[in-house]
Amino acid sequence: MDNASVLRPHEYWLADLAREVPMPIATLHKWQRLGWVHSRKVTVASGRWALWADADELERLRQLRAYQRKWPEPRYPQALTTPQRRARQPQPR
């Protein structure tokens, strides 16, 4: 099975999305673990992570990457760390 064929619309492999944003893979992986990006484990692709990002999400991720945290507010704005709601995707049978 071709690994690319298991991706749904607007899904990227972790490394591909990191290159698209652009940002380090390790940082994007941390965001994925924190829930700052929609993801799913693709078992038929050896457990690789597929991350979802349409055009609006790509823009949000780029803004999050570019955001400069400054004292006294060391946290990222919630609007940048909260993924947008997305339509439920049909599950493959």
C-alpha atoms as a PDB file:
ATOM      1  CA  MET A   1       0.000   0.000   0.000  1.00  0.00           C
ATOM      2  CA  ASP A   2       1.248   3.451  -0.911  1.00  0.00           C
ATOM      3  CA  ASN A   3       1.589   5.472   2.314  1.00  0.00           C
ATOM      4  CA  ALA A   4       0.340   8.625   0.562  1.00  0.00           C
ATOM      5  CA  SER A   5      -2.933   6.888  -0.354  1.00  0.00           C
ATOM      6  CA  VAL A   6      -3.929   6.528   3.325  1.00  0.00           C
ATOM      7  CA  LEU A   7      -3.904  10.284   3.870  1.00  0.00           C
ATOM      8  CA  ARG A   8      -7.264  12.036   3.895  1.00  0.00           C
ATOM      9  CA  PRO A   9      -7.860  15.488   2.377  1.00  0.00           C
ATOM     10  CA  HIS A  10      -5.661  18.165   3.993  1.00  0.00           C
ATOM     11  CA  GLU A  11      -3.544  15.602   5.864  1.00  0.00           C
ATOM     12  CA  TYR A  12       0.242  15.618   5.926  1.00  0.00           C
ATOM     13  CA  TRP A  13       2.872  13.350   7.364  1.00  0.00           C
ATOM     14  CA  LEU A  14       4.600  15.036  10.298  1.00  0.00           C
ATOM     15  CA  ALA A  15       7.819  15.812   8.393  1.00  0.00           C
ATOM     16  CA  ASP A  16       5.910  17.116   5.372  1.00  0.00           C
ATOM     17  CA  LEU A  17       3.812  19.511   7.460  1.00  0.00           C
ATOM     18  CA  ALA A  18       6.925  20.718   9.284  1.00  0.00           C
ATOM     19  CA  ARG A  19       8.482  21.512   5.913  1.00  0.00           C
ATOM     20  CA  GLU A  20       5.278  23.261   4.739  1.00  0.00           C
ATOM     21  CA  VAL A  21       5.022  25.598   7.777  1.00  0.00           C
ATOM     22  CA  PRO A  22       8.301  25.683   7.907  1.00  0.00           C
ATOM     23  CA  MET A  23       9.508  24.601  11.350  1.00  0.00           C
ATOM     24  CA  PRO A  24      11.548  21.921  13.109  1.00  0.00           C
ATOM     25  CA  ILE A  25       9.958  18.461  13.148  1.00  0.00           C
ATOM     26  CA  ALA A  26      10.599  18.168  16.902  1.00  0.00           C
ATOM     27  CA  THR A  27       8.635  21.364  17.619  1.00  0.00           C
ATOM     28  CA  LEU A  28       5.689  20.244  15.491  1.00  0.00           C
ATOM     29  CA  HIS A  29       5.760  16.838  17.203  1.00  0.00           C
ATOM     30  CA  LYS A  30       5.572  18.618  20.578  1.00  0.00           C
ATOM     31  CA  TRP A  31       2.584  20.662  19.358  1.00  0.00           C
ATOM     32  CA  GLN A  32       0.950  17.421  18.209  1.00  0.00           C
ATOM     33  CA  ARG A  33       1.448  15.898  21.684  1.00  0.00           C
ATOM     34  CA  LEU A  34       0.036  19.074  23.290  1.00  0.00           C
ATOM     35  CA  GLY A  35      -3.063  18.889  21.080  1.00  0.00           C
ATOM     36  CA  TRP A  36      -2.274  22.089  19.204  1.00  0.00           C
ATOM     37  CA  VAL A  37      -2.796  20.325  15.854  1.00  0.00           C
ATOM     38  CA  HIS A  38      -5.298  17.656  14.780  1.00  0.00           C
ATOM     39  CA  SER A  39      -3.650  14.276  14.286  1.00  0.00           C
ATOM     40  CA  ARG A  40      -4.339  10.578  14.003  1.00  0.00           C
ATOM     41  CA  LYS A  41      -2.128   7.513  14.117  1.00  0.00           C
ATOM     42  CA  VAL A  42      -2.201   5.619  10.828  1.00  0.00           C
ATOM     43  CA  THR A  43      -1.782   1.955  11.730  1.00  0.00           C
ATOM     44  CA  VAL A  44      -1.508   0.753   8.123  1.00  0.00           C
ATOM     45  CA  ALA A  45       1.447   3.138   7.689  1.00  0.00           C
ATOM     46  CA  SER A  46       3.496   1.584  10.517  1.00  0.00           C
ATOM     47  CA  GLY A  47       1.889   3.855  13.108  1.00  0.00           C
ATOM     48  CA  ARG A  48       2.980   7.121  11.523  1.00  0.00           C
ATOM     49  CA  TRP A  49       1.138  10.300  12.485  1.00  0.00           C
ATOM     50  CA  ALA A  50      -1.058  12.086   9.958  1.00  0.00           C
ATOM     51  CA  LEU A  51      -1.637  15.753  10.828  1.00  0.00           C
ATOM     52  CA  TRP A  52      -4.548  17.735   9.439  1.00  0.00           C
ATOM     53  CA  ALA A  53      -4.174  21.297   8.195  1.00  0.00           C
ATOM     54  CA  ASP A  54      -6.267  23.063   5.590  1.00  0.00           C
ATOM     55  CA  ALA A  55      -5.319  26.555   4.368  1.00  0.00           C
ATOM     56  CA  ASP A  56      -6.702  28.270   7.495  1.00  0.00           C
ATOM     57  CA  GLU A  57      -4.881  25.842   9.804  1.00  0.00           C
ATOM     58  CA  LEU A  58      -1.639  26.305   7.884  1.00  0.00           C
ATOM     59  CA  GLU A  59      -1.969  30.053   8.448  1.00  0.00           C
ATOM     60  CA  ARG A  60      -2.668  29.545  12.173  1.00  0.00           C
ATOM     61  CA  LEU A  61       0.365  27.249  12.515  1.00  0.00           C
ATOM     62  CA  ARG A  62       2.563  29.799  10.727  1.00  0.00           C
ATOM     63  CA  GLN A  63       1.314  32.543  13.060  1.00  0.00           C
ATOM     64  CA  LEU A  64       1.959  30.328  16.085  1.00  0.00           C
ATOM     65  CA  ARG A  65       5.463  29.578  14.846  1.00  0.00           C
ATOM     66  CA  ALA A  66       6.186  33.296  14.307  1.00  0.00           C
ATOM     67  CA  TYR A  67       4.667  34.437  17.625  1.00  0.00           C
ATOM     68  CA  GLN A  68       7.187  36.081  19.948  1.00  0.00           C
ATOM     69  CA  ARG A  69       6.389  35.431  23.601  1.00  0.00           C
ATOM     70  CA  LYS A  70       7.216  38.382  25.825  1.00  0.00           C
ATOM     71  CA  TRP A  71       7.245  38.939  29.544  1.00  0.00           C
ATOM     72  CA  PRO A  72       4.976  39.354  31.501  1.00  0.00           C
ATOM     73  CA  GLU A  73       2.815  37.023  29.374  1.00  0.00           C
ATOM     74  CA  PRO A  74       5.000  33.992  28.655  1.00  0.00           C
ATOM     75  CA  ARG A  75       2.181  31.868  27.226  1.00  0.00           C
ATOM     76  CA  TYR A  76       1.011  31.569  23.655  1.00  0.00           C
ATOM     77  CA  PRO A  77      -2.447  33.057  22.940  1.00  0.00           C
ATOM     78  CA  GLN A  78      -5.197  30.445  23.130  1.00  0.00           C
ATOM     79  CA  ALA A  79      -6.429  31.473  19.672  1.00  0.00           C
ATOM     80  CA  LEU A  80      -3.108  30.271  18.234  1.00  0.00           C
ATOM     81  CA  THR A  81      -2.885  27.023  20.232  1.00  0.00           C
ATOM     82  CA  THR A  82      -6.453  25.844  19.638  1.00  0.00           C
ATOM     83  CA  PRO A  83      -7.017  23.925  16.391  1.00  0.00           C
ATOM     84  CA  GLN A  84     -10.127  24.895  14.466  1.00  0.00           C
ATOM     85  CA  ARG A  85     -13.101  22.558  14.441  1.00  0.00           C
ATOM     86  CA  ARG A  86     -13.287  20.469  11.333  1.00  0.00           C
ATOM     87  CA  ALA A  87     -15.948  18.401   9.666  1.00  0.00           C
ATOM     88  CA  ARG A  88     -15.951  14.773  10.742  1.00  0.00           C
ATOM     89  CA  GLN A  89     -14.215  12.578   8.208  1.00  0.00           C
ATOM     90  CA  PRO A  90     -15.790   9.257   7.190  1.00  0.00           C
ATOM     91  CA  GLN A  91     -13.823   6.328   8.570  1.00  0.00           C
ATOM     92  CA  PRO A  92     -12.415   3.832   6.029  1.00  0.00           C
ATOM     93  CA  ARG A  93     -13.943   0.399   6.200  1.00  0.00           C
END
